[in-house]
N, C-alpha and C. Protein backbone atom coordinates (compact mmCIF):
# COMPACT_ATOMS: atom_id res chain seq x y z
N VAL A 1 93.74 288.47 95.24
CA VAL A 1 94.16 287.90 96.51
C VAL A 1 92.94 287.70 97.39
N GLN A 2 92.74 286.48 97.93
CA GLN A 2 91.54 286.22 98.72
C GLN A 2 91.81 286.31 100.21
N LEU A 3 93.01 285.95 100.65
CA LEU A 3 93.41 286.05 102.04
C LEU A 3 94.66 286.91 102.12
N GLN A 4 94.68 287.84 103.04
CA GLN A 4 95.83 288.72 103.18
C GLN A 4 96.24 288.81 104.63
N ALA A 5 97.48 288.45 104.89
CA ALA A 5 98.03 288.50 106.24
C ALA A 5 98.76 289.81 106.47
N SER A 6 98.71 290.28 107.70
CA SER A 6 99.42 291.50 108.05
C SER A 6 99.75 291.48 109.54
N GLY A 7 100.53 292.45 109.96
CA GLY A 7 100.83 292.58 111.37
C GLY A 7 102.22 292.13 111.78
N GLY A 8 102.96 291.57 110.86
CA GLY A 8 104.31 291.15 111.20
C GLY A 8 105.21 292.35 111.42
N GLY A 9 106.38 292.07 111.93
CA GLY A 9 107.34 293.13 112.17
C GLY A 9 108.43 292.65 113.09
N LEU A 10 109.12 293.61 113.67
CA LEU A 10 110.22 293.32 114.57
C LEU A 10 109.77 293.47 116.01
N ALA A 11 110.08 292.48 116.81
CA ALA A 11 109.75 292.53 118.23
C ALA A 11 110.94 292.02 119.03
N GLN A 12 111.02 292.46 120.25
CA GLN A 12 112.05 291.95 121.14
C GLN A 12 111.57 290.69 121.83
N ALA A 13 112.48 289.87 122.23
CA ALA A 13 112.11 288.67 122.99
C ALA A 13 111.31 289.09 124.21
N GLY A 14 110.22 288.37 124.42
CA GLY A 14 109.32 288.70 125.52
C GLY A 14 108.21 289.64 125.12
N GLY A 15 108.31 290.18 123.93
CA GLY A 15 107.30 291.12 123.45
C GLY A 15 106.12 290.44 122.81
N SER A 16 105.28 291.25 122.20
CA SER A 16 104.04 290.75 121.61
C SER A 16 103.83 291.32 120.21
N LEU A 17 103.14 290.55 119.42
CA LEU A 17 102.67 290.99 118.11
C LEU A 17 101.30 290.40 117.87
N ARG A 18 100.50 291.08 117.08
CA ARG A 18 99.20 290.56 116.69
C ARG A 18 99.11 290.50 115.18
N LEU A 19 98.95 289.30 114.67
CA LEU A 19 98.80 289.11 113.24
C LEU A 19 97.33 289.09 112.87
N SER A 20 97.04 289.58 111.69
CA SER A 20 95.68 289.56 111.17
C SER A 20 95.66 288.89 109.81
N CYS A 21 94.56 288.25 109.52
CA CYS A 21 94.34 287.66 108.20
C CYS A 21 92.94 288.04 107.77
N ALA A 22 92.84 288.73 106.68
CA ALA A 22 91.55 289.23 106.23
C ALA A 22 91.20 288.65 104.86
N ALA A 23 89.97 288.23 104.73
CA ALA A 23 89.47 287.81 103.43
C ALA A 23 89.02 289.06 102.67
N SER A 24 89.27 289.06 101.40
CA SER A 24 88.96 290.25 100.60
C SER A 24 87.46 290.44 100.41
N LYS A 25 86.70 289.39 100.65
CA LYS A 25 85.25 289.51 100.57
C LYS A 25 84.62 288.42 101.43
N ARG A 26 83.31 288.44 101.51
CA ARG A 26 82.58 287.54 102.39
C ARG A 26 82.81 286.07 102.03
N THR A 27 83.01 285.82 100.77
CA THR A 27 83.19 284.44 100.33
C THR A 27 84.62 284.23 99.84
N VAL A 28 85.07 283.02 99.95
CA VAL A 28 86.38 282.61 99.46
C VAL A 28 86.13 281.56 98.39
N SER A 29 86.34 281.95 97.15
CA SER A 29 86.07 281.07 96.01
C SER A 29 84.65 280.52 96.07
N GLY A 30 83.72 281.38 96.36
CA GLY A 30 82.32 281.00 96.33
C GLY A 30 81.78 280.40 97.60
N ARG A 31 82.63 280.13 98.56
CA ARG A 31 82.17 279.57 99.83
C ARG A 31 82.32 280.61 100.93
N GLU A 32 81.37 280.64 101.85
CA GLU A 32 81.40 281.61 102.93
C GLU A 32 82.69 281.50 103.74
N PHE A 33 83.20 282.66 104.16
CA PHE A 33 84.40 282.67 105.00
C PHE A 33 84.18 281.79 106.23
N SER A 34 82.99 281.85 106.79
CA SER A 34 82.69 281.09 107.99
C SER A 34 82.63 279.58 107.74
N SER A 35 82.67 279.16 106.49
CA SER A 35 82.68 277.74 106.17
C SER A 35 84.08 277.15 106.20
N HIS A 36 85.07 278.00 106.43
CA HIS A 36 86.45 277.56 106.39
C HIS A 36 87.05 277.48 107.79
N VAL A 37 87.71 276.39 108.07
CA VAL A 37 88.63 276.34 109.20
C VAL A 37 89.82 277.21 108.81
N MET A 38 90.25 278.04 109.73
CA MET A 38 91.35 278.96 109.44
C MET A 38 92.55 278.62 110.31
N ALA A 39 93.72 278.83 109.76
CA ALA A 39 94.93 278.44 110.48
C ALA A 39 96.09 279.35 110.15
N TRP A 40 97.08 279.30 111.01
CA TRP A 40 98.36 279.95 110.78
C TRP A 40 99.44 278.88 110.68
N PHE A 41 100.29 279.04 109.70
CA PHE A 41 101.49 278.24 109.55
C PHE A 41 102.68 279.20 109.51
N ARG A 42 103.86 278.68 109.78
CA ARG A 42 105.04 279.52 109.68
C ARG A 42 106.18 278.74 109.07
N GLN A 43 107.10 279.49 108.49
CA GLN A 43 108.28 278.86 107.91
C GLN A 43 109.48 279.75 108.16
N ALA A 44 110.41 279.21 108.89
CA ALA A 44 111.67 279.90 109.14
C ALA A 44 112.65 279.59 108.02
N THR A 45 113.61 280.46 107.85
CA THR A 45 114.60 280.28 106.79
C THR A 45 115.31 278.95 106.96
N GLY A 46 115.30 278.17 105.89
CA GLY A 46 115.99 276.89 105.91
C GLY A 46 115.25 275.78 106.61
N LYS A 47 114.03 276.03 107.03
CA LYS A 47 113.25 275.01 107.73
C LYS A 47 111.94 274.75 106.99
N GLU A 48 111.33 273.63 107.34
CA GLU A 48 110.06 273.29 106.73
C GLU A 48 108.92 274.11 107.34
N ARG A 49 107.87 274.23 106.57
CA ARG A 49 106.68 274.90 107.07
C ARG A 49 106.12 274.12 108.25
N GLU A 50 105.67 274.82 109.27
CA GLU A 50 105.11 274.15 110.43
C GLU A 50 103.81 274.81 110.87
N PHE A 51 102.97 273.99 111.43
CA PHE A 51 101.67 274.43 111.94
C PHE A 51 101.87 275.26 113.19
N VAL A 52 101.05 276.31 113.31
CA VAL A 52 101.09 277.16 114.49
C VAL A 52 99.79 277.02 115.29
N ALA A 53 98.67 277.29 114.64
CA ALA A 53 97.39 277.25 115.33
C ALA A 53 96.26 277.24 114.31
N ALA A 54 95.09 276.74 114.75
CA ALA A 54 93.91 276.72 113.90
C ALA A 54 92.68 277.04 114.73
N VAL A 55 91.65 277.51 114.06
CA VAL A 55 90.39 277.83 114.73
C VAL A 55 89.25 277.26 113.90
N SER A 56 88.27 276.71 114.59
CA SER A 56 87.15 276.06 113.93
C SER A 56 86.24 277.07 113.22
N TRP A 57 85.28 276.54 112.49
CA TRP A 57 84.43 277.38 111.65
C TRP A 57 83.79 278.53 112.42
N GLY A 58 83.25 278.22 113.59
CA GLY A 58 82.58 279.25 114.36
C GLY A 58 83.46 279.95 115.38
N GLY A 59 84.67 279.47 115.50
CA GLY A 59 85.61 280.08 116.43
C GLY A 59 85.56 279.53 117.84
N ASP A 60 84.74 278.50 118.06
CA ASP A 60 84.58 278.01 119.43
C ASP A 60 85.63 277.00 119.83
N GLU A 61 86.36 276.47 118.86
CA GLU A 61 87.41 275.50 119.17
C GLU A 61 88.72 275.97 118.53
N THR A 62 89.79 275.81 119.29
CA THR A 62 91.10 276.21 118.81
C THR A 62 92.10 275.08 119.02
N TYR A 63 93.13 275.09 118.21
CA TYR A 63 94.13 274.02 118.21
C TYR A 63 95.50 274.67 118.07
N TYR A 64 96.45 274.19 118.87
CA TYR A 64 97.77 274.81 118.89
C TYR A 64 98.87 273.77 118.79
N ALA A 65 99.91 274.15 118.07
CA ALA A 65 101.14 273.36 118.14
C ALA A 65 101.77 273.61 119.51
N ASP A 66 102.55 272.66 119.97
CA ASP A 66 103.17 272.79 121.28
C ASP A 66 104.04 274.06 121.37
N SER A 67 104.61 274.46 120.26
CA SER A 67 105.52 275.61 120.27
C SER A 67 104.85 276.90 120.71
N GLY A 68 103.57 277.01 120.46
CA GLY A 68 102.89 278.26 120.78
C GLY A 68 101.87 278.15 121.90
N LYS A 69 101.67 276.93 122.39
CA LYS A 69 100.65 276.72 123.42
C LYS A 69 100.97 277.54 124.66
N GLY A 70 99.97 278.27 125.12
CA GLY A 70 100.15 279.08 126.31
C GLY A 70 100.69 280.48 126.01
N ARG A 71 101.19 280.68 124.82
CA ARG A 71 101.73 282.00 124.44
C ARG A 71 100.92 282.64 123.31
N PHE A 72 100.39 281.83 122.43
CA PHE A 72 99.66 282.33 121.27
C PHE A 72 98.16 282.10 121.46
N THR A 73 97.37 283.02 120.93
CA THR A 73 95.92 282.87 120.95
C THR A 73 95.37 283.17 119.57
N ILE A 74 94.67 282.20 119.02
CA ILE A 74 94.06 282.38 117.71
C ILE A 74 92.58 282.69 117.89
N SER A 75 92.06 283.54 117.05
CA SER A 75 90.64 283.89 117.13
C SER A 75 90.18 284.32 115.73
N ARG A 76 88.88 284.43 115.60
CA ARG A 76 88.34 284.87 114.32
C ARG A 76 87.10 285.71 114.56
N ASP A 77 86.79 286.55 113.59
CA ASP A 77 85.57 287.35 113.62
C ASP A 77 84.91 287.16 112.26
N ASN A 78 83.95 286.27 112.21
CA ASN A 78 83.31 285.96 110.92
C ASN A 78 82.55 287.16 110.37
N GLY A 79 82.10 288.03 111.25
CA GLY A 79 81.41 289.23 110.79
C GLY A 79 82.32 290.17 110.03
N LYS A 80 83.62 290.11 110.35
CA LYS A 80 84.61 290.94 109.67
C LYS A 80 85.45 290.15 108.69
N PHE A 81 85.12 288.86 108.52
CA PHE A 81 85.87 287.99 107.62
C PHE A 81 87.35 288.03 107.94
N ALA A 82 87.66 287.91 109.21
CA ALA A 82 89.04 288.06 109.65
C ALA A 82 89.42 287.04 110.70
N MET A 83 90.71 286.79 110.79
CA MET A 83 91.27 285.88 111.77
C MET A 83 92.49 286.57 112.37
N TYR A 84 92.81 286.22 113.63
CA TYR A 84 93.90 286.88 114.32
C TYR A 84 94.79 285.87 115.03
N LEU A 85 96.02 286.28 115.25
CA LEU A 85 96.94 285.49 116.08
C LEU A 85 97.64 286.46 117.02
N GLN A 86 97.28 286.40 118.29
CA GLN A 86 97.95 287.19 119.30
C GLN A 86 99.14 286.38 119.81
N MET A 87 100.31 286.94 119.65
CA MET A 87 101.53 286.25 120.06
C MET A 87 102.18 287.01 121.20
N ASN A 88 102.27 286.36 122.35
CA ASN A 88 102.90 286.96 123.52
C ASN A 88 104.15 286.19 123.89
N SER A 89 104.94 286.77 124.74
CA SER A 89 106.18 286.12 125.20
C SER A 89 106.98 285.57 124.03
N LEU A 90 107.17 286.40 123.05
CA LEU A 90 107.85 285.97 121.84
C LEU A 90 109.29 285.56 122.11
N LYS A 91 109.74 284.59 121.34
CA LYS A 91 111.09 284.06 121.45
C LYS A 91 111.79 284.22 120.10
N PRO A 92 113.10 284.28 120.10
CA PRO A 92 113.81 284.37 118.81
C PRO A 92 113.46 283.23 117.87
N GLU A 93 113.17 282.06 118.41
CA GLU A 93 112.81 280.93 117.55
C GLU A 93 111.42 281.07 116.92
N ASP A 94 110.68 282.09 117.28
CA ASP A 94 109.40 282.37 116.62
C ASP A 94 109.62 283.14 115.31
N THR A 95 110.85 283.55 115.06
CA THR A 95 111.15 284.26 113.83
C THR A 95 110.84 283.40 112.62
N ALA A 96 109.98 283.89 111.74
CA ALA A 96 109.55 283.14 110.57
C ALA A 96 108.61 284.00 109.74
N VAL A 97 108.31 283.50 108.57
CA VAL A 97 107.23 284.07 107.77
C VAL A 97 105.95 283.34 108.15
N TYR A 98 104.96 284.08 108.56
CA TYR A 98 103.69 283.50 109.01
C TYR A 98 102.66 283.67 107.90
N SER A 99 101.99 282.57 107.58
CA SER A 99 100.98 282.57 106.52
C SER A 99 99.66 282.09 107.07
N CYS A 100 98.58 282.69 106.58
CA CYS A 100 97.27 282.22 106.98
C CYS A 100 96.69 281.33 105.88
N ALA A 101 95.80 280.45 106.27
CA ALA A 101 95.25 279.49 105.33
C ALA A 101 93.82 279.15 105.71
N GLY A 102 93.04 278.76 104.71
CA GLY A 102 91.67 278.36 104.94
C GLY A 102 91.36 277.05 104.26
N GLY A 103 90.63 276.20 104.95
CA GLY A 103 90.24 274.91 104.40
C GLY A 103 88.84 274.54 104.84
N LEU A 104 88.13 273.79 104.04
CA LEU A 104 86.73 273.48 104.35
C LEU A 104 86.58 272.39 105.40
N PHE A 105 87.40 271.39 105.38
CA PHE A 105 87.34 270.28 106.35
C PHE A 105 85.93 269.68 106.44
N GLU A 106 85.24 269.58 105.34
CA GLU A 106 83.88 269.06 105.36
C GLU A 106 83.88 267.59 105.80
N GLY A 107 83.05 267.28 106.76
CA GLY A 107 82.91 265.91 107.23
C GLY A 107 84.07 265.40 108.06
N MET A 108 84.98 266.26 108.40
CA MET A 108 86.17 265.83 109.13
C MET A 108 86.09 266.24 110.59
N ASP A 109 86.63 265.40 111.46
CA ASP A 109 86.81 265.78 112.85
C ASP A 109 87.98 266.73 112.95
N LEU A 110 87.85 267.70 113.79
CA LEU A 110 88.93 268.66 113.97
C LEU A 110 89.73 268.31 115.22
N ASN A 111 91.02 268.26 115.06
CA ASN A 111 91.94 268.09 116.19
C ASN A 111 93.28 268.66 115.74
N VAL A 112 94.27 268.59 116.59
CA VAL A 112 95.58 269.16 116.24
C VAL A 112 96.15 268.46 115.01
N ARG A 113 95.98 267.16 114.93
CA ARG A 113 96.54 266.42 113.81
C ARG A 113 95.91 266.82 112.48
N THR A 114 94.58 266.90 112.45
CA THR A 114 93.92 267.21 111.17
C THR A 114 94.10 268.67 110.80
N THR A 115 93.95 269.57 111.79
CA THR A 115 94.08 270.99 111.45
C THR A 115 95.53 271.37 111.18
N GLY A 116 96.46 270.55 111.63
CA GLY A 116 97.87 270.82 111.38
C GLY A 116 98.38 270.29 110.05
N ASP A 117 97.53 269.65 109.30
CA ASP A 117 97.91 269.08 108.01
C ASP A 117 97.73 270.14 106.93
N PHE A 118 98.82 270.70 106.44
CA PHE A 118 98.71 271.83 105.50
C PHE A 118 98.05 271.42 104.19
N SER A 119 98.05 270.12 103.88
CA SER A 119 97.43 269.70 102.62
C SER A 119 95.91 269.86 102.64
N GLN A 120 95.33 270.05 103.83
CA GLN A 120 93.88 270.24 103.94
C GLN A 120 93.46 271.67 103.63
N TYR A 121 94.42 272.57 103.48
CA TYR A 121 94.10 273.97 103.26
C TYR A 121 94.28 274.32 101.79
N ARG A 122 93.21 274.80 101.22
CA ARG A 122 93.24 275.12 99.79
C ARG A 122 93.60 276.58 99.54
N TYR A 123 93.29 277.43 100.49
CA TYR A 123 93.46 278.86 100.26
C TYR A 123 94.52 279.41 101.20
N TRP A 124 95.47 280.11 100.62
CA TRP A 124 96.60 280.64 101.38
C TRP A 124 96.77 282.12 101.12
N GLY A 125 97.10 282.85 102.18
CA GLY A 125 97.45 284.23 102.02
C GLY A 125 98.96 284.36 101.87
N GLN A 126 99.40 285.53 101.47
CA GLN A 126 100.85 285.74 101.40
C GLN A 126 101.36 285.86 102.83
N GLY A 127 102.61 285.62 103.03
CA GLY A 127 103.15 285.62 104.39
C GLY A 127 103.46 287.01 104.91
N THR A 128 103.56 287.07 106.22
CA THR A 128 104.01 288.29 106.88
C THR A 128 105.18 287.91 107.78
N LEU A 129 106.25 288.67 107.70
CA LEU A 129 107.48 288.31 108.39
C LEU A 129 107.46 288.78 109.84
N VAL A 130 107.77 287.86 110.72
CA VAL A 130 107.93 288.15 112.13
C VAL A 130 109.39 287.91 112.50
N THR A 131 110.01 288.92 113.05
CA THR A 131 111.40 288.81 113.48
C THR A 131 111.48 289.15 114.95
N VAL A 132 112.01 288.22 115.73
CA VAL A 132 112.13 288.41 117.17
C VAL A 132 113.61 288.48 117.52
N SER A 133 114.00 289.60 118.08
CA SER A 133 115.41 289.77 118.45
C SER A 133 115.63 289.40 119.91
N SER A 134 116.80 288.89 120.18
CA SER A 134 117.11 288.46 121.55
C SER A 134 117.65 289.60 122.39
């Protein structure tokens, strides 16, 4: 396993959770962790996978789906080969399995549209379940 997500669980509406995604080593399939744009996607039962947030290679730029804008904060620590998603003001509709992903995006401009395209991500971690009760 190259990417591993953790931190999911049960939260009440209005509460917070912090998800983590850790690479098992400095490189992901031979490429430095810091060479990958990292993102979170989620999939609720019976629904399609949807983009949540992404962070650029160095962590200086972030991109959010409208659903999490203003409530979620994505960040990364390349020194620890890790990425995080701080989720505040949780809503029942945030209930889903959250998966982390990494993609190289070489030569590509980063924006919400490009980072939200799951086909650009080659490496995926297993999901972590987030359940928000009302």
